[in-house]
């Protein structure tokens, strides 16, 4: 279920996915909610493009550390590739 940052208190949140399109973000929100995963989503900037790098805006999905594995399982089950820190 979508939550405000205050819901998580001082828990450290983990980035699990960056949706690049609104339709994709809305679909993922529905899937995480259906699975009972508490998440926070916010708009932020990311660098995109291969030849011409541009700054774009996407929907960044975060979950509490203890929910990372469950959230990633939902992502994989629905064909998304979870965000991995590089």
C-alpha atoms as a PDB file:
ATOM      1  CA  UNK A   1       0.000   0.000   0.000  1.00  0.00           C
ATOM      2  CA  UNK A   2       1.267   3.483  -0.807  1.00  0.00           C
ATOM      3  CA  UNK A   3       2.530   5.255   2.308  1.00  0.00           C
ATOM      4  CA  UNK A   4       3.854   8.692   3.241  1.00  0.00           C
ATOM      5  CA  UNK A   5       7.495   8.877   4.390  1.00  0.00           C
ATOM      6  CA  UNK A   6       6.302   9.494   7.963  1.00  0.00           C
ATOM      7  CA  UNK A   7       4.780   6.005   8.030  1.00  0.00           C
ATOM      8  CA  UNK A   8       8.273   4.511   7.905  1.00  0.00           C
ATOM      9  CA  UNK A   9       9.621   6.754  10.683  1.00  0.00           C
ATOM     10  CA  UNK A  10      13.396   6.603  10.862  1.00  0.00           C
ATOM     11  CA  UNK A  11      13.648   3.266   9.024  1.00  0.00           C
ATOM     12  CA  UNK A  12      16.088   3.262   6.139  1.00  0.00           C
ATOM     13  CA  UNK A  13      14.263   2.873   2.829  1.00  0.00           C
ATOM     14  CA  UNK A  14      15.639   0.915  -0.120  1.00  0.00           C
ATOM     15  CA  UNK A  15      15.113   1.931  -3.742  1.00  0.00           C
ATOM     16  CA  UNK A  16      13.582  -1.021  -5.581  1.00  0.00           C
ATOM     17  CA  UNK A  17      12.498   0.432  -8.927  1.00  0.00           C
ATOM     18  CA  UNK A  18      12.472   3.543 -11.109  1.00  0.00           C
ATOM     19  CA  UNK A  19       9.418   3.774 -13.368  1.00  0.00           C
ATOM     20  CA  UNK A  20      10.121   5.848 -16.452  1.00  0.00           C
ATOM     21  CA  UNK A  21       6.499   6.296 -17.552  1.00  0.00           C
ATOM     22  CA  UNK A  22       3.336   7.201 -15.656  1.00  0.00           C
ATOM     23  CA  UNK A  23       1.425   4.185 -16.983  1.00  0.00           C
ATOM     24  CA  UNK A  24       4.194   1.882 -15.754  1.00  0.00           C
ATOM     25  CA  UNK A  25       4.226   3.559 -12.311  1.00  0.00           C
ATOM     26  CA  UNK A  26       0.454   3.270 -11.888  1.00  0.00           C
ATOM     27  CA  UNK A  27       0.510  -0.403 -12.882  1.00  0.00           C
ATOM     28  CA  UNK A  28       3.319  -1.154 -10.423  1.00  0.00           C
ATOM     29  CA  UNK A  29       1.498   0.711  -7.639  1.00  0.00           C
ATOM     30  CA  UNK A  30      -1.539  -1.521  -8.177  1.00  0.00           C
ATOM     31  CA  UNK A  31       0.600  -4.678  -8.147  1.00  0.00           C
ATOM     32  CA  UNK A  32       2.470  -3.746  -4.950  1.00  0.00           C
ATOM     33  CA  UNK A  33      -0.794  -2.791  -3.232  1.00  0.00           C
ATOM     34  CA  UNK A  34      -2.424  -6.066  -4.306  1.00  0.00           C
ATOM     35  CA  UNK A  35       0.562  -7.962  -2.863  1.00  0.00           C
ATOM     36  CA  UNK A  36       0.243  -6.102   0.455  1.00  0.00           C
ATOM     37  CA  UNK A  37       3.649  -4.392   0.225  1.00  0.00           C
ATOM     38  CA  UNK A  38       4.011  -1.013   1.963  1.00  0.00           C
ATOM     39  CA  UNK A  39       5.932   1.361  -0.306  1.00  0.00           C
ATOM     40  CA  UNK A  40       6.698   5.019  -0.830  1.00  0.00           C
ATOM     41  CA  UNK A  41       6.851   6.564  -4.289  1.00  0.00           C
ATOM     42  CA  UNK A  42       8.168   9.977  -5.254  1.00  0.00           C
ATOM     43  CA  UNK A  43       9.154  11.801  -8.429  1.00  0.00           C
ATOM     44  CA  UNK A  44      12.866  12.397  -8.876  1.00  0.00           C
ATOM     45  CA  UNK A  45      15.408  12.937 -11.645  1.00  0.00           C
ATOM     46  CA  UNK A  46      17.557  10.315 -13.333  1.00  0.00           C
ATOM     47  CA  UNK A  47      19.964  10.346 -16.285  1.00  0.00           C
ATOM     48  CA  UNK A  48      18.650   8.645 -19.407  1.00  0.00           C
ATOM     49  CA  UNK A  49      19.702   8.041 -22.982  1.00  0.00           C
ATOM     50  CA  UNK A  50      22.668   6.263 -24.508  1.00  0.00           C
ATOM     51  CA  UNK A  51      24.124   8.676 -27.041  1.00  0.00           C
ATOM     52  CA  UNK A  52      22.553  11.895 -25.785  1.00  0.00           C
ATOM     53  CA  UNK A  53      22.390  11.808 -21.993  1.00  0.00           C
ATOM     54  CA  UNK A  54      19.455  13.828 -20.687  1.00  0.00           C
ATOM     55  CA  UNK A  55      17.934  14.430 -17.297  1.00  0.00           C
ATOM     56  CA  UNK A  56      14.481  12.886 -17.002  1.00  0.00           C
ATOM     57  CA  UNK A  57      11.867  12.518 -14.281  1.00  0.00           C
ATOM     58  CA  UNK A  58      10.668   9.132 -13.066  1.00  0.00           C
ATOM     59  CA  UNK A  59       8.733   7.554 -10.208  1.00  0.00           C
ATOM     60  CA  UNK A  60      11.143   6.166  -7.597  1.00  0.00           C
ATOM     61  CA  UNK A  61       9.724   3.281  -5.524  1.00  0.00           C
ATOM     62  CA  UNK A  62      11.065   2.672  -2.007  1.00  0.00           C
ATOM     63  CA  UNK A  63      10.338   0.039   0.639  1.00  0.00           C
ATOM     64  CA  UNK A  64      11.575  -0.628   4.170  1.00  0.00           C
ATOM     65  CA  UNK A  65      14.655  -2.866   4.356  1.00  0.00           C
ATOM     66  CA  UNK A  66      12.677  -5.803   5.765  1.00  0.00           C
ATOM     67  CA  UNK A  67      10.320  -5.699   2.736  1.00  0.00           C
ATOM     68  CA  UNK A  68      12.978  -5.610   0.000  1.00  0.00           C
ATOM     69  CA  UNK A  69      12.859  -9.319  -0.843  1.00  0.00           C
ATOM     70  CA  UNK A  70       9.045  -9.441  -0.951  1.00  0.00           C
ATOM     71  CA  UNK A  71       8.899  -6.310  -3.117  1.00  0.00           C
ATOM     72  CA  UNK A  72      11.540  -7.631  -5.508  1.00  0.00           C
ATOM     73  CA  UNK A  73       9.619 -10.897  -5.803  1.00  0.00           C
ATOM     74  CA  UNK A  74       6.525  -8.930  -6.868  1.00  0.00           C
ATOM     75  CA  UNK A  75       8.585  -7.013  -9.429  1.00  0.00           C
ATOM     76  CA  UNK A  76      10.097 -10.161 -10.929  1.00  0.00           C
ATOM     77  CA  UNK A  77       6.745 -11.976 -10.962  1.00  0.00           C
ATOM     78  CA  UNK A  78       5.287  -9.144 -13.089  1.00  0.00           C
ATOM     79  CA  UNK A  79       8.249  -8.867 -15.460  1.00  0.00           C
ATOM     80  CA  UNK A  80      10.070  -5.854 -13.961  1.00  0.00           C
ATOM     81  CA  UNK A  81      13.819  -5.766 -13.353  1.00  0.00           C
ATOM     82  CA  UNK A  82      14.454  -4.554  -9.769  1.00  0.00           C
ATOM     83  CA  UNK A  83      16.835  -1.650  -9.226  1.00  0.00           C
ATOM     84  CA  UNK A  84      20.337  -2.759  -8.235  1.00  0.00           C
ATOM     85  CA  UNK A  85      22.851  -0.339  -6.724  1.00  0.00           C
ATOM     86  CA  UNK A  86      25.923  -0.084  -8.990  1.00  0.00           C
END
